N, C-alpha and C. Protein backbone atom coordinates (compact mmCIF):
# COMPACT_ATOMS: atom_id res chain seq x y z
N MET A 1 5.94 1.03 -5.07
CA MET A 1 6.36 2.34 -4.57
C MET A 1 5.36 2.82 -3.58
N PHE A 2 5.86 3.41 -2.42
CA PHE A 2 5.01 3.89 -1.42
C PHE A 2 5.36 5.35 -1.08
N TYR A 3 4.41 6.04 -0.55
CA TYR A 3 4.60 7.47 -0.31
C TYR A 3 4.19 7.88 1.14
N PHE A 4 4.99 8.80 1.68
CA PHE A 4 4.64 9.57 2.91
C PHE A 4 4.32 10.92 2.30
N TYR A 5 3.21 11.50 2.79
CA TYR A 5 2.78 12.81 2.27
C TYR A 5 2.28 13.71 3.40
N ILE A 6 2.26 15.01 3.07
CA ILE A 6 1.65 16.00 3.95
C ILE A 6 0.64 16.71 3.05
N LEU A 7 -0.64 16.78 3.57
CA LEU A 7 -1.67 17.38 2.93
C LEU A 7 -2.09 18.64 3.63
N HIS A 8 -2.18 19.75 2.95
CA HIS A 8 -2.58 21.04 3.54
C HIS A 8 -4.02 21.17 3.40
N CYS A 9 -4.77 21.09 4.49
CA CYS A 9 -6.23 21.11 4.47
C CYS A 9 -6.70 22.55 4.19
N LYS A 10 -7.93 22.62 3.67
CA LYS A 10 -8.50 23.89 3.31
C LYS A 10 -8.58 24.83 4.50
N ASP A 11 -8.67 24.31 5.71
CA ASP A 11 -8.80 25.21 6.85
C ASP A 11 -7.37 25.60 7.44
N GLY A 12 -6.31 25.11 6.72
CA GLY A 12 -4.94 25.41 7.22
C GLY A 12 -4.33 24.30 7.99
N ALA A 13 -5.03 23.31 8.36
CA ALA A 13 -4.46 22.13 9.07
C ALA A 13 -3.50 21.32 8.25
N LEU A 14 -2.57 20.66 8.85
CA LEU A 14 -1.63 19.83 8.12
C LEU A 14 -1.90 18.38 8.51
N TYR A 15 -2.02 17.51 7.51
CA TYR A 15 -2.34 16.08 7.74
C TYR A 15 -1.19 15.28 7.17
N CYS A 16 -0.69 14.30 7.92
CA CYS A 16 0.42 13.49 7.43
C CYS A 16 -0.23 12.02 7.24
N GLY A 17 0.18 11.43 6.05
CA GLY A 17 -0.43 10.14 5.76
C GLY A 17 0.69 9.35 4.96
N SER A 18 0.22 8.14 4.55
CA SER A 18 1.05 7.25 3.70
C SER A 18 0.13 6.50 2.77
N THR A 19 0.56 6.13 1.62
CA THR A 19 -0.26 5.46 0.56
C THR A 19 0.68 4.77 -0.39
N ASN A 20 -0.02 4.07 -1.23
CA ASN A 20 0.75 3.46 -2.47
C ASN A 20 0.24 4.15 -3.78
N ASN A 21 -0.64 5.01 -3.68
CA ASN A 21 -1.06 5.80 -4.90
C ASN A 21 -1.43 7.24 -4.46
N ILE A 22 -0.47 8.08 -4.69
CA ILE A 22 -0.58 9.42 -4.16
C ILE A 22 -1.70 10.17 -4.81
N GLN A 23 -1.95 10.17 -6.11
CA GLN A 23 -2.99 10.92 -6.80
C GLN A 23 -4.36 10.36 -6.33
N ASN A 24 -4.51 9.08 -6.23
CA ASN A 24 -5.76 8.57 -5.82
C ASN A 24 -6.10 8.91 -4.46
N ARG A 25 -5.06 8.96 -3.55
CA ARG A 25 -5.31 9.34 -2.15
C ARG A 25 -5.78 10.81 -2.01
N GLN A 26 -5.15 11.66 -2.82
CA GLN A 26 -5.64 13.04 -2.85
C GLN A 26 -7.09 13.14 -3.25
N ASN A 27 -7.44 12.43 -4.33
CA ASN A 27 -8.76 12.41 -4.80
C ASN A 27 -9.76 11.92 -3.75
N ARG A 28 -9.36 10.87 -3.13
CA ARG A 28 -10.20 10.27 -2.02
C ARG A 28 -10.45 11.29 -0.90
N HIS A 29 -9.40 11.96 -0.53
CA HIS A 29 -9.50 13.02 0.56
C HIS A 29 -10.47 14.10 0.10
N ASN A 30 -10.42 14.55 -1.15
CA ASN A 30 -11.19 15.62 -1.60
C ASN A 30 -12.69 15.21 -1.93
N SER A 31 -12.91 13.90 -2.05
CA SER A 31 -14.26 13.47 -2.36
C SER A 31 -14.95 13.12 -1.03
N GLY A 32 -14.33 13.21 0.00
CA GLY A 32 -14.92 12.93 1.38
C GLY A 32 -14.75 11.41 1.69
N LYS A 33 -14.05 10.67 0.86
CA LYS A 33 -13.88 9.28 1.24
C LYS A 33 -12.52 8.91 1.86
N GLY A 34 -11.75 9.95 2.15
CA GLY A 34 -10.47 9.65 2.88
C GLY A 34 -10.64 9.67 4.31
N SER A 35 -9.66 10.17 5.14
CA SER A 35 -9.75 10.11 6.54
C SER A 35 -10.81 11.04 7.13
N VAL A 36 -11.29 10.60 8.26
CA VAL A 36 -12.31 11.51 8.90
C VAL A 36 -11.67 12.84 9.27
N TYR A 37 -10.44 12.90 9.59
CA TYR A 37 -9.76 14.12 9.98
C TYR A 37 -9.80 15.06 8.82
N VAL A 38 -9.35 14.65 7.66
CA VAL A 38 -9.38 15.54 6.43
C VAL A 38 -10.77 15.94 6.09
N ARG A 39 -11.69 14.98 6.13
CA ARG A 39 -13.13 15.36 5.83
C ARG A 39 -13.63 16.44 6.76
N THR A 40 -13.35 16.44 7.97
CA THR A 40 -13.70 17.57 8.83
C THR A 40 -13.05 18.86 8.66
N HIS A 41 -11.80 18.79 7.98
CA HIS A 41 -11.08 19.96 7.70
C HIS A 41 -11.28 20.44 6.26
N GLY A 42 -12.13 19.87 5.49
CA GLY A 42 -12.51 20.36 4.22
C GLY A 42 -11.66 19.90 3.04
N GLY A 43 -10.96 18.78 3.12
CA GLY A 43 -10.16 18.31 2.04
C GLY A 43 -8.93 19.21 1.93
N GLY A 44 -8.19 19.08 0.84
CA GLY A 44 -6.95 19.88 0.69
C GLY A 44 -6.12 19.49 -0.47
N GLU A 45 -4.84 19.77 -0.39
CA GLU A 45 -3.96 19.57 -1.43
C GLU A 45 -2.59 18.96 -0.82
N ILE A 46 -2.06 17.94 -1.50
CA ILE A 46 -0.82 17.37 -1.06
C ILE A 46 0.31 18.39 -1.47
N VAL A 47 1.00 18.84 -0.42
CA VAL A 47 2.07 19.82 -0.58
C VAL A 47 3.50 19.31 -0.45
N TYR A 48 3.60 18.05 -0.02
CA TYR A 48 4.87 17.40 0.21
C TYR A 48 4.68 15.92 0.12
N GLN A 49 5.74 15.21 -0.42
CA GLN A 49 5.77 13.83 -0.46
C GLN A 49 7.24 13.33 -0.58
N GLU A 50 7.43 12.13 -0.06
CA GLU A 50 8.64 11.41 -0.09
C GLU A 50 8.22 9.93 -0.68
N THR A 51 9.22 9.20 -1.31
CA THR A 51 9.00 8.02 -1.86
C THR A 51 9.78 6.94 -1.03
N TYR A 52 9.15 5.75 -0.84
CA TYR A 52 9.76 4.69 -0.08
C TYR A 52 9.56 3.30 -0.81
N ASN A 53 10.37 2.35 -0.55
CA ASN A 53 10.23 1.03 -1.18
C ASN A 53 9.18 0.17 -0.50
N THR A 54 8.90 0.41 0.79
CA THR A 54 7.95 -0.38 1.49
C THR A 54 6.95 0.50 2.17
N LEU A 55 5.73 -0.06 2.40
CA LEU A 55 4.73 0.72 3.12
C LEU A 55 5.18 0.93 4.58
N GLY A 56 5.85 -0.06 5.12
CA GLY A 56 6.36 0.10 6.53
C GLY A 56 7.30 1.28 6.67
N ASP A 57 8.17 1.50 5.74
CA ASP A 57 9.06 2.62 5.74
C ASP A 57 8.31 3.97 5.61
N ALA A 58 7.42 4.03 4.77
CA ALA A 58 6.54 5.22 4.65
C ALA A 58 5.68 5.49 5.92
N MET A 59 5.20 4.43 6.59
CA MET A 59 4.44 4.66 7.74
C MET A 59 5.26 5.05 8.92
N ARG A 60 6.58 4.52 9.04
CA ARG A 60 7.42 4.97 10.06
C ARG A 60 7.74 6.38 9.92
N ARG A 61 7.95 6.89 8.68
CA ARG A 61 8.19 8.32 8.46
C ARG A 61 6.90 9.17 8.93
N GLU A 62 5.75 8.68 8.51
CA GLU A 62 4.50 9.33 8.94
C GLU A 62 4.44 9.48 10.46
N ILE A 63 4.72 8.38 11.11
CA ILE A 63 4.70 8.46 12.61
C ILE A 63 5.64 9.38 13.11
N GLN A 64 6.83 9.48 12.54
CA GLN A 64 7.86 10.39 12.99
C GLN A 64 7.39 11.81 12.81
N VAL A 65 6.98 12.14 11.68
CA VAL A 65 6.61 13.51 11.35
C VAL A 65 5.46 13.98 12.07
N LYS A 66 4.43 13.17 12.33
CA LYS A 66 3.22 13.46 12.99
C LYS A 66 3.56 14.00 14.40
N LYS A 67 4.67 13.64 14.96
CA LYS A 67 5.04 14.05 16.34
C LYS A 67 5.73 15.37 16.34
N TRP A 68 6.07 15.86 15.20
CA TRP A 68 6.76 17.11 15.09
C TRP A 68 5.82 18.33 15.34
N PRO A 69 6.31 19.50 15.80
CA PRO A 69 5.46 20.64 15.94
C PRO A 69 5.25 21.23 14.51
N ARG A 70 4.23 21.99 14.32
CA ARG A 70 3.84 22.56 13.04
C ARG A 70 4.95 23.21 12.37
N THR A 71 5.79 24.03 13.06
CA THR A 71 6.88 24.82 12.36
C THR A 71 7.88 23.88 11.77
N LYS A 72 8.13 22.79 12.34
CA LYS A 72 9.08 21.83 11.88
C LYS A 72 8.48 21.26 10.59
N LYS A 73 7.12 20.90 10.48
CA LYS A 73 6.56 20.36 9.34
C LYS A 73 6.52 21.42 8.25
N GLU A 74 6.28 22.69 8.54
CA GLU A 74 6.37 23.76 7.53
C GLU A 74 7.67 23.88 6.89
N ASN A 75 8.76 23.72 7.73
CA ASN A 75 10.12 23.78 7.25
C ASN A 75 10.45 22.64 6.28
N LEU A 76 9.93 21.52 6.58
CA LEU A 76 10.05 20.33 5.73
C LEU A 76 9.44 20.59 4.37
N ILE A 77 8.20 21.16 4.40
CA ILE A 77 7.49 21.45 3.16
C ILE A 77 8.16 22.50 2.32
N LYS A 78 8.80 23.44 2.95
CA LYS A 78 9.56 24.51 2.29
C LYS A 78 10.93 24.12 1.85
N GLY A 79 11.32 22.85 2.23
CA GLY A 79 12.63 22.40 1.75
C GLY A 79 13.74 22.89 2.72
N LEU A 80 13.39 23.40 3.85
CA LEU A 80 14.40 23.85 4.84
C LEU A 80 14.75 22.72 5.80
N LYS A 81 15.85 22.86 6.38
CA LYS A 81 16.18 21.75 7.40
C LYS A 81 15.13 21.81 8.56
N PRO A 82 14.45 20.73 8.84
CA PRO A 82 13.42 20.71 9.77
C PRO A 82 13.92 20.95 11.21
């Protein structure tokens, strides 16, 4: 099982990522061992996730959502139509 996720950084930034272990990934982000982007934004909390059968599918979704404006990402997190 693979995941696409959105992490809400402590400074308010939104980070999109993909992983095969969602809890481990959040722990890595918050311990400073995750991405450089999240490390510079102070860690955070995963506020949205989707499940996929392959890493490729999760990464395609990550690439798609990364291109969206912030308001569209916020609507996705809230469960509204993006």
